[in-house]
């Protein structure tokens, strides 16, 4: 498999306490086992149509980063073109609105063709997470243990609520966010899957994507004496076989 190791760009947050106070924090813990298990060939989302790369070291979630320019640019160009056929587009305040959407349409078009490569990577081996920066900003890699997760509040009708997001460790006072829902139904399913995978003292999560690597991961943890899990869990995370489970209990005591 390709080595998805990325150099650390950030460690911690300069305004961590303020961020924890103002946003709906989601703790790193396994509280839900009803998440969709990762299987070979699963699509990352409905826009990119690319496949996950997943083993006992990395989960790479390819993203073209085209959702923002497609939606923003599409709406802007639609309003610009529609405005050419409206009677009051160039009268008074309507002219300023039209110019505004012209600027937006040009902005999203330029961004679409010049945007940097966007990456979402979970590095189980080294305990790192990589997330895309805002617009032309470079990708961010931060230790997973220091990364802050929150859930989205959505609109007034609740649309888009309870989606898992990562707060970018930037200088912004209020923080910026990137979606990290892992294709799950809600933030608690997503954080359970993410935490389970990133806790390298636990067996790999359910799913055929990891079946070929379970024995190798088991031997690695056995050689380390089966250290106890790094993050709390409300559900059991058993080994692949009863024999392995018994050996883990005998050596590691859990």
C-alpha atoms as a PDB file:
ATOM      1  CA  UNK A   1       0.000   0.000   0.000  1.00  0.00           C
ATOM      2  CA  UNK A   2       1.078   3.595  -0.587  1.00  0.00           C
ATOM      3  CA  UNK A   3       2.769   5.311   2.341  1.00  0.00           C
ATOM      4  CA  UNK A   4       0.398   8.106   3.399  1.00  0.00           C
ATOM      5  CA  UNK A   5       2.718   9.507   6.059  1.00  0.00           C
ATOM      6  CA  UNK A   6       2.519  13.289   6.161  1.00  0.00           C
ATOM      7  CA  UNK A   7       4.752  15.626   8.214  1.00  0.00           C
ATOM      8  CA  UNK A   8       3.165  17.235  11.268  1.00  0.00           C
ATOM      9  CA  UNK A   9       2.176  20.845  10.564  1.00  0.00           C
ATOM     10  CA  UNK A  10       0.420  21.727  13.825  1.00  0.00           C
ATOM     11  CA  UNK A  11       0.536  20.639  17.458  1.00  0.00           C
ATOM     12  CA  UNK A  12      -2.411  21.667  19.565  1.00  0.00           C
ATOM     13  CA  UNK A  13      -4.583  24.794  19.379  1.00  0.00           C
ATOM     14  CA  UNK A  14      -3.582  28.263  20.504  1.00  0.00           C
ATOM     15  CA  UNK A  15      -7.163  28.974  21.606  1.00  0.00           C
ATOM     16  CA  UNK A  16      -8.196  25.469  22.665  1.00  0.00           C
ATOM     17  CA  UNK A  17     -10.150  26.486  25.776  1.00  0.00           C
ATOM     18  CA  UNK A  18     -12.220  29.049  23.875  1.00  0.00           C
ATOM     19  CA  UNK A  19     -12.976  26.543  21.149  1.00  0.00           C
ATOM     20  CA  UNK A  20     -14.083  23.942  23.694  1.00  0.00           C
ATOM     21  CA  UNK A  21     -16.368  26.521  25.279  1.00  0.00           C
ATOM     22  CA  UNK A  22     -18.064  27.813  22.146  1.00  0.00           C
ATOM     23  CA  UNK A  23     -18.654  24.600  20.203  1.00  0.00           C
ATOM     24  CA  UNK A  24     -20.411  21.258  20.649  1.00  0.00           C
ATOM     25  CA  UNK A  25     -17.466  19.045  21.414  1.00  0.00           C
ATOM     26  CA  UNK A  26     -17.472  15.350  20.563  1.00  0.00           C
ATOM     27  CA  UNK A  27     -15.136  13.328  22.763  1.00  0.00           C
ATOM     28  CA  UNK A  28     -12.929  10.592  21.359  1.00  0.00           C
ATOM     29  CA  UNK A  29     -14.679   7.467  22.572  1.00  0.00           C
ATOM     30  CA  UNK A  30     -16.442   4.401  21.235  1.00  0.00           C
ATOM     31  CA  UNK A  31     -20.104   4.745  22.135  1.00  0.00           C
ATOM     32  CA  UNK A  32     -21.827   3.243  19.116  1.00  0.00           C
ATOM     33  CA  UNK A  33     -21.241   0.011  17.222  1.00  0.00           C
ATOM     34  CA  UNK A  34     -23.958   0.571  14.626  1.00  0.00           C
ATOM     35  CA  UNK A  35     -21.635   2.398  12.252  1.00  0.00           C
ATOM     36  CA  UNK A  36     -21.223   1.115   8.712  1.00  0.00           C
ATOM     37  CA  UNK A  37     -18.274  -1.263   8.627  1.00  0.00           C
ATOM     38  CA  UNK A  38     -15.629  -0.483   6.051  1.00  0.00           C
ATOM     39  CA  UNK A  39     -15.563  -2.874   3.158  1.00  0.00           C
ATOM     40  CA  UNK A  40     -13.323  -3.099   0.139  1.00  0.00           C
ATOM     41  CA  UNK A  41     -14.407  -0.859  -2.709  1.00  0.00           C
ATOM     42  CA  UNK A  42     -16.704   1.424  -0.698  1.00  0.00           C
ATOM     43  CA  UNK A  43     -17.151   4.906  -2.164  1.00  0.00           C
ATOM     44  CA  UNK A  44     -15.950   7.812  -0.061  1.00  0.00           C
ATOM     45  CA  UNK A  45     -19.005   9.899  -0.888  1.00  0.00           C
ATOM     46  CA  UNK A  46     -21.458  10.569  -3.679  1.00  0.00           C
ATOM     47  CA  UNK A  47     -19.362  13.203  -5.443  1.00  0.00           C
ATOM     48  CA  UNK A  48     -15.821  11.925  -5.832  1.00  0.00           C
ATOM     49  CA  UNK A  49     -16.573   8.293  -6.686  1.00  0.00           C
ATOM     50  CA  UNK A  50     -13.136   7.163  -5.555  1.00  0.00           C
ATOM     51  CA  UNK A  51     -12.295   4.271  -3.285  1.00  0.00           C
ATOM     52  CA  UNK A  52     -10.889   4.194   0.194  1.00  0.00           C
ATOM     53  CA  UNK A  53      -7.352   2.984   0.791  1.00  0.00           C
ATOM     54  CA  UNK A  54      -7.462   1.164   4.120  1.00  0.00           C
ATOM     55  CA  UNK A  55      -5.113  -1.156   5.993  1.00  0.00           C
ATOM     56  CA  UNK A  56      -3.685  -1.453   9.510  1.00  0.00           C
ATOM     57  CA  UNK A  57      -1.580   1.706   9.037  1.00  0.00           C
ATOM     58  CA  UNK A  58      -3.699   4.221   7.116  1.00  0.00           C
ATOM     59  CA  UNK A  59      -7.169   5.108   5.927  1.00  0.00           C
ATOM     60  CA  UNK A  60      -6.934   7.452   2.978  1.00  0.00           C
ATOM     61  CA  UNK A  61     -10.198   9.113   1.927  1.00  0.00           C
ATOM     62  CA  UNK A  62      -9.627  10.704  -1.492  1.00  0.00           C
ATOM     63  CA  UNK A  63     -11.506  13.943  -1.972  1.00  0.00           C
ATOM     64  CA  UNK A  64     -11.354  16.129  -5.061  1.00  0.00           C
ATOM     65  CA  UNK A  65     -12.537  19.146  -3.079  1.00  0.00           C
ATOM     66  CA  UNK A  66     -15.002  20.048  -5.816  1.00  0.00           C
ATOM     67  CA  UNK A  67     -18.198  20.326  -3.762  1.00  0.00           C
ATOM     68  CA  UNK A  68     -17.649  23.970  -2.752  1.00  0.00           C
ATOM     69  CA  UNK A  69     -16.747  25.319  -6.222  1.00  0.00           C
ATOM     70  CA  UNK A  70     -19.437  23.208  -7.891  1.00  0.00           C
ATOM     71  CA  UNK A  71     -22.241  24.381  -5.625  1.00  0.00           C
ATOM     72  CA  UNK A  72     -21.025  27.932  -5.110  1.00  0.00           C
ATOM     73  CA  UNK A  73     -20.014  28.412  -8.715  1.00  0.00           C
ATOM     74  CA  UNK A  74     -23.099  26.718 -10.075  1.00  0.00           C
ATOM     75  CA  UNK A  75     -25.492  28.897  -8.098  1.00  0.00           C
ATOM     76  CA  UNK A  76     -23.503  32.058  -8.852  1.00  0.00           C
ATOM     77  CA  UNK A  77     -23.319  31.438 -12.602  1.00  0.00           C
ATOM     78  CA  UNK A  78     -27.026  30.566 -12.685  1.00  0.00           C
ATOM     79  CA  UNK A  79     -27.910  33.897 -11.047  1.00  0.00           C
ATOM     80  CA  UNK A  80     -25.510  35.803 -13.290  1.00  0.00           C
ATOM     81  CA  UNK A  81     -26.951  34.329 -16.467  1.00  0.00           C
ATOM     82  CA  UNK A  82     -30.536  34.657 -15.208  1.00  0.00           C
ATOM     83  CA  UNK A  83     -29.877  38.287 -14.348  1.00  0.00           C
ATOM     84  CA  UNK A  84     -29.129  39.110 -17.971  1.00  0.00           C
ATOM     85  CA  UNK A  85     -32.764  38.406 -18.822  1.00  0.00           C
ATOM     86  CA  UNK A  86     -34.348  40.210 -15.849  1.00  0.00           C
ATOM     87  CA  UNK A  87     -35.827  43.667 -16.296  1.00  0.00           C
ATOM     88  CA  UNK A  88     -34.604  45.190 -13.015  1.00  0.00           C
ATOM     89  CA  UNK A  89     -31.101  43.644 -12.750  1.00  0.00           C
ATOM     90  CA  UNK A  90     -29.251  46.843 -13.602  1.00  0.00           C
ATOM     91  CA  UNK A  91     -31.531  49.227 -11.684  1.00  0.00           C
ATOM     92  CA  UNK A  92     -30.422  50.634  -8.336  1.00  0.00           C
ATOM     93  CA  UNK A  93     -29.492  48.039  -5.711  1.00  0.00           C
ATOM     94  CA  UNK A  94     -30.026  45.212  -8.196  1.00  0.00           C
ATOM     95  CA  UNK A  95     -26.851  46.257 -10.019  1.00  0.00           C
ATOM     96  CA  UNK A  96     -24.752  45.812  -6.868  1.00  0.00           C
ATOM     97  CA  UNK A  97     -26.271  42.381  -6.272  1.00  0.00           C
ATOM     98  CA  UNK A  98     -25.516  41.390  -9.842  1.00  0.00           C
ATOM     99  CA  UNK A  99     -21.886  42.545  -9.556  1.00  0.00           C
ATOM    100  CA  UNK A 100     -21.561  40.609  -6.304  1.00  0.00           C
ATOM    101  CA  UNK A 101     -22.621  37.341  -7.939  1.00  0.00           C
ATOM    102  CA  UNK A 102     -20.376  38.028 -10.934  1.00  0.00           C
ATOM    103  CA  UNK A 103     -17.421  38.288  -8.561  1.00  0.00           C
ATOM    104  CA  UNK A 104     -18.489  35.091  -6.781  1.00  0.00           C
ATOM    105  CA  UNK A 105     -18.839  33.211 -10.067  1.00  0.00           C
ATOM    106  CA  UNK A 106     -15.348  34.270 -11.172  1.00  0.00           C
ATOM    107  CA  UNK A 107     -13.917  33.460  -7.734  1.00  0.00           C
ATOM    108  CA  UNK A 108     -15.305  29.897  -7.674  1.00  0.00           C
ATOM    109  CA  UNK A 109     -14.204  29.310 -11.254  1.00  0.00           C
ATOM    110  CA  UNK A 110     -10.626  30.366 -10.497  1.00  0.00           C
ATOM    111  CA  UNK A 111     -10.625  28.302  -7.306  1.00  0.00           C
ATOM    112  CA  UNK A 112     -11.834  25.215  -9.131  1.00  0.00           C
ATOM    113  CA  UNK A 113      -8.888  25.275 -11.521  1.00  0.00           C
ATOM    114  CA  UNK A 114      -6.217  26.352  -9.011  1.00  0.00           C
ATOM    115  CA  UNK A 115      -7.185  24.608  -5.769  1.00  0.00           C
ATOM    116  CA  UNK A 116      -4.452  22.495  -4.111  1.00  0.00           C
ATOM    117  CA  UNK A 117      -4.741  18.755  -3.524  1.00  0.00           C
ATOM    118  CA  UNK A 118      -7.096  18.005  -0.636  1.00  0.00           C
ATOM    119  CA  UNK A 119      -6.407  15.062   1.694  1.00  0.00           C
ATOM    120  CA  UNK A 120      -8.196  13.302   4.526  1.00  0.00           C
ATOM    121  CA  UNK A 121      -5.979  10.672   6.132  1.00  0.00           C
ATOM    122  CA  UNK A 122      -6.098   8.699   9.360  1.00  0.00           C
ATOM    123  CA  UNK A 123      -2.604   7.515  10.307  1.00  0.00           C
ATOM    124  CA  UNK A 124      -3.139   4.745  12.879  1.00  0.00           C
ATOM    125  CA  UNK A 125       0.529   3.801  12.915  1.00  0.00           C
ATOM    126  CA  UNK A 126       1.806   7.217  14.030  1.00  0.00           C
ATOM    127  CA  UNK A 127      -1.361   8.603  15.643  1.00  0.00           C
ATOM    128  CA  UNK A 128      -1.848  11.459  13.167  1.00  0.00           C
ATOM    129  CA  UNK A 129      -4.783  12.911  11.277  1.00  0.00           C
ATOM    130  CA  UNK A 130      -4.575  14.927   8.059  1.00  0.00           C
ATOM    131  CA  UNK A 131      -7.370  17.294   7.021  1.00  0.00           C
ATOM    132  CA  UNK A 132      -7.707  19.781   4.145  1.00  0.00           C
ATOM    133  CA  UNK A 133      -7.038  23.456   4.698  1.00  0.00           C
ATOM    134  CA  UNK A 134      -9.457  26.253   3.804  1.00  0.00           C
ATOM    135  CA  UNK A 135      -9.538  27.076   0.092  1.00  0.00           C
ATOM    136  CA  UNK A 136      -5.885  27.505  -0.998  1.00  0.00           C
ATOM    137  CA  UNK A 137      -4.396  26.702   2.409  1.00  0.00           C
ATOM    138  CA  UNK A 138      -2.173  23.629   2.646  1.00  0.00           C
ATOM    139  CA  UNK A 139      -3.402  20.422   4.255  1.00  0.00           C
ATOM    140  CA  UNK A 140      -3.081  20.190   8.025  1.00  0.00           C
ATOM    141  CA  UNK A 141      -1.556  17.246   9.911  1.00  0.00           C
ATOM    142  CA  UNK A 142      -1.961  17.176  13.680  1.00  0.00           C
ATOM    143  CA  UNK A 143      -1.584  14.485  16.367  1.00  0.00           C
ATOM    144  CA  UNK A 144      -4.926  12.741  16.735  1.00  0.00           C
ATOM    145  CA  UNK A 145      -4.836  12.987  20.543  1.00  0.00           C
ATOM    146  CA  UNK A 146      -4.742  16.796  20.253  1.00  0.00           C
ATOM    147  CA  UNK A 147      -7.379  17.111  17.531  1.00  0.00           C
ATOM    148  CA  UNK A 148     -10.734  18.655  18.496  1.00  0.00           C
ATOM    149  CA  UNK A 149     -13.964  17.181  17.118  1.00  0.00           C
ATOM    150  CA  UNK A 150     -17.386  18.847  17.192  1.00  0.00           C
ATOM    151  CA  UNK A 151     -20.787  18.249  15.643  1.00  0.00           C
ATOM    152  CA  UNK A 152     -22.616  20.530  13.244  1.00  0.00           C
ATOM    153  CA  UNK A 153     -25.803  22.259  14.335  1.00  0.00           C
ATOM    154  CA  UNK A 154     -27.396  22.364  10.877  1.00  0.00           C
ATOM    155  CA  UNK A 155     -30.161  24.671   9.716  1.00  0.00           C
ATOM    156  CA  UNK A 156     -33.328  25.762  11.486  1.00  0.00           C
ATOM    157  CA  UNK A 157     -35.080  22.570  10.390  1.00  0.00           C
ATOM    158  CA  UNK A 158     -32.184  20.414  11.574  1.00  0.00           C
ATOM    159  CA  UNK A 159     -30.875  19.619   8.100  1.00  0.00           C
ATOM    160  CA  UNK A 160     -27.165  18.878   8.260  1.00  0.00           C
ATOM    161  CA  UNK A 161     -27.111  18.604  12.041  1.00  0.00           C
ATOM    162  CA  UNK A 162     -25.043  16.140  14.110  1.00  0.00           C
ATOM    163  CA  UNK A 163     -22.385  15.629  11.441  1.00  0.00           C
ATOM    164  CA  UNK A 164     -18.854  15.050  12.725  1.00  0.00           C
ATOM    165  CA  UNK A 165     -16.463  17.909  12.032  1.00  0.00           C
ATOM    166  CA  UNK A 166     -12.817  18.649  12.827  1.00  0.00           C
ATOM    167  CA  UNK A 167     -11.781  22.107  14.019  1.00  0.00           C
ATOM    168  CA  UNK A 168      -8.773  23.290  12.069  1.00  0.00           C
ATOM    169  CA  UNK A 169      -5.899  24.441  14.336  1.00  0.00           C
ATOM    170  CA  UNK A 170      -5.600  27.851  12.691  1.00  0.00           C
ATOM    171  CA  UNK A 171      -5.189  31.348  14.114  1.00  0.00           C
ATOM    172  CA  UNK A 172      -8.863  32.103  13.619  1.00  0.00           C
ATOM    173  CA  UNK A 173     -10.538  33.119  16.875  1.00  0.00           C
ATOM    174  CA  UNK A 174     -13.644  31.057  16.241  1.00  0.00           C
ATOM    175  CA  UNK A 175     -12.078  28.274  14.217  1.00  0.00           C
ATOM    176  CA  UNK A 176     -12.891  26.811  10.837  1.00  0.00           C
ATOM    177  CA  UNK A 177     -14.261  23.326  10.253  1.00  0.00           C
ATOM    178  CA  UNK A 178     -14.025  20.426   7.869  1.00  0.00           C
ATOM    179  CA  UNK A 179     -16.526  17.586   7.634  1.00  0.00           C
ATOM    180  CA  UNK A 180     -15.230  14.212   8.817  1.00  0.00           C
ATOM    181  CA  UNK A 181     -18.333  12.069   9.000  1.00  0.00           C
ATOM    182  CA  UNK A 182     -16.699   8.995   7.403  1.00  0.00           C
ATOM    183  CA  UNK A 183     -19.939   8.224   5.548  1.00  0.00           C
ATOM    184  CA  UNK A 184     -21.730   7.498   8.841  1.00  0.00           C
ATOM    185  CA  UNK A 185     -25.214   8.466   9.952  1.00  0.00           C
ATOM    186  CA  UNK A 186     -24.287  10.842  12.756  1.00  0.00           C
ATOM    187  CA  UNK A 187     -21.373  12.221  14.730  1.00  0.00           C
ATOM    188  CA  UNK A 188     -21.455   9.483  17.384  1.00  0.00           C
ATOM    189  CA  UNK A 189     -21.241   6.689  14.826  1.00  0.00           C
ATOM    190  CA  UNK A 190     -18.448   8.558  13.059  1.00  0.00           C
ATOM    191  CA  UNK A 191     -16.375   9.309  16.171  1.00  0.00           C
ATOM    192  CA  UNK A 192     -16.785   5.696  17.298  1.00  0.00           C
ATOM    193  CA  UNK A 193     -15.372   4.426  14.014  1.00  0.00           C
ATOM    194  CA  UNK A 194     -12.568   6.995  13.956  1.00  0.00           C
ATOM    195  CA  UNK A 195     -11.604   6.382  17.582  1.00  0.00           C
ATOM    196  CA  UNK A 196     -11.738   2.609  17.202  1.00  0.00           C
ATOM    197  CA  UNK A 197      -9.412   2.738  14.224  1.00  0.00           C
ATOM    198  CA  UNK A 198      -7.023   5.294  15.718  1.00  0.00           C
ATOM    199  CA  UNK A 199      -6.699   3.416  19.020  1.00  0.00           C
ATOM    200  CA  UNK A 200      -3.828   1.216  17.870  1.00  0.00           C
ATOM    201  CA  UNK A 201      -4.007  -0.797  21.096  1.00  0.00           C
ATOM    202  CA  UNK A 202      -7.376  -2.187  19.991  1.00  0.00           C
ATOM    203  CA  UNK A 203      -8.110  -4.722  17.261  1.00  0.00           C
ATOM    204  CA  UNK A 204      -9.020  -3.218  13.901  1.00  0.00           C
ATOM    205  CA  UNK A 205     -12.688  -2.202  13.410  1.00  0.00           C
ATOM    206  CA  UNK A 206     -15.208  -4.500  11.694  1.00  0.00           C
ATOM    207  CA  UNK A 207     -15.163  -4.652   7.902  1.00  0.00           C
ATOM    208  CA  UNK A 208     -13.635  -6.586   5.038  1.00  0.00           C
ATOM    209  CA  UNK A 209     -11.289  -3.684   4.335  1.00  0.00           C
ATOM    210  CA  UNK A 210      -9.173  -4.817   7.306  1.00  0.00           C
ATOM    211  CA  UNK A 211      -9.499  -8.599   7.159  1.00  0.00           C
ATOM    212  CA  UNK A 212      -6.186  -9.109   5.359  1.00  0.00           C
ATOM    213  CA  UNK A 213      -4.326  -7.159   8.060  1.00  0.00           C
ATOM    214  CA  UNK A 214      -5.873  -8.452  11.278  1.00  0.00           C
ATOM    215  CA  UNK A 215      -3.229 -11.105  11.980  1.00  0.00           C
ATOM    216  CA  UNK A 216      -0.376  -8.669  11.338  1.00  0.00           C
ATOM    217  CA  UNK A 217      -1.948  -6.095  13.605  1.00  0.00           C
ATOM    218  CA  UNK A 218      -2.552  -8.747  16.251  1.00  0.00           C
ATOM    219  CA  UNK A 219       1.099  -9.847  16.221  1.00  0.00           C
ATOM    220  CA  UNK A 220       2.249  -6.235  16.557  1.00  0.00           C
ATOM    221  CA  UNK A 221       0.101  -5.680  19.631  1.00  0.00           C
ATOM    222  CA  UNK A 222       1.132  -9.046  21.067  1.00  0.00           C
ATOM    223  CA  UNK A 223       4.812  -8.155  20.713  1.00  0.00           C
ATOM    224  CA  UNK A 224       4.089  -4.960  22.667  1.00  0.00           C
ATOM    225  CA  UNK A 225       2.396  -6.954  25.452  1.00  0.00           C
ATOM    226  CA  UNK A 226      -1.146  -5.966  24.499  1.00  0.00           C
ATOM    227  CA  UNK A 227      -1.139  -2.473  26.057  1.00  0.00           C
ATOM    228  CA  UNK A 228      -4.511  -1.260  27.258  1.00  0.00           C
ATOM    229  CA  UNK A 229      -6.707   0.904  25.007  1.00  0.00           C
ATOM    230  CA  UNK A 230      -5.941   4.597  24.669  1.00  0.00           C
ATOM    231  CA  UNK A 231      -9.560   5.770  24.577  1.00  0.00           C
ATOM    232  CA  UNK A 232     -12.713   4.756  26.493  1.00  0.00           C
ATOM    233  CA  UNK A 233     -15.346   2.444  25.055  1.00  0.00           C
ATOM    234  CA  UNK A 234     -18.859   1.426  26.058  1.00  0.00           C
ATOM    235  CA  UNK A 235     -18.730  -1.693  23.906  1.00  0.00           C
ATOM    236  CA  UNK A 236     -16.429  -4.684  23.674  1.00  0.00           C
ATOM    237  CA  UNK A 237     -13.752  -4.764  20.980  1.00  0.00           C
ATOM    238  CA  UNK A 238     -12.858  -8.448  20.725  1.00  0.00           C
ATOM    239  CA  UNK A 239     -10.110 -10.123  18.752  1.00  0.00           C
ATOM    240  CA  UNK A 240     -10.817 -11.946  15.498  1.00  0.00           C
ATOM    241  CA  UNK A 241     -10.768 -15.412  17.135  1.00  0.00           C
ATOM    242  CA  UNK A 242     -11.495 -16.870  20.560  1.00  0.00           C
ATOM    243  CA  UNK A 243      -7.909 -18.100  20.778  1.00  0.00           C
ATOM    244  CA  UNK A 244      -6.526 -14.630  20.176  1.00  0.00           C
ATOM    245  CA  UNK A 245      -8.993 -13.186  22.681  1.00  0.00           C
ATOM    246  CA  UNK A 246      -7.833 -15.641  25.340  1.00  0.00           C
ATOM    247  CA  UNK A 247      -4.187 -14.860  24.686  1.00  0.00           C
ATOM    248  CA  UNK A 248      -4.797 -11.130  24.907  1.00  0.00           C
ATOM    249  CA  UNK A 249      -6.524 -11.586  28.238  1.00  0.00           C
ATOM    250  CA  UNK A 250      -3.700 -13.774  29.521  1.00  0.00           C
ATOM    251  CA  UNK A 251      -0.917 -11.419  28.436  1.00  0.00           C
ATOM    252  CA  UNK A 252      -2.554  -8.016  28.540  1.00  0.00           C
ATOM    253  CA  UNK A 253      -5.135  -8.611  31.236  1.00  0.00           C
ATOM    254  CA  UNK A 254      -8.072  -7.066  29.394  1.00  0.00           C
END
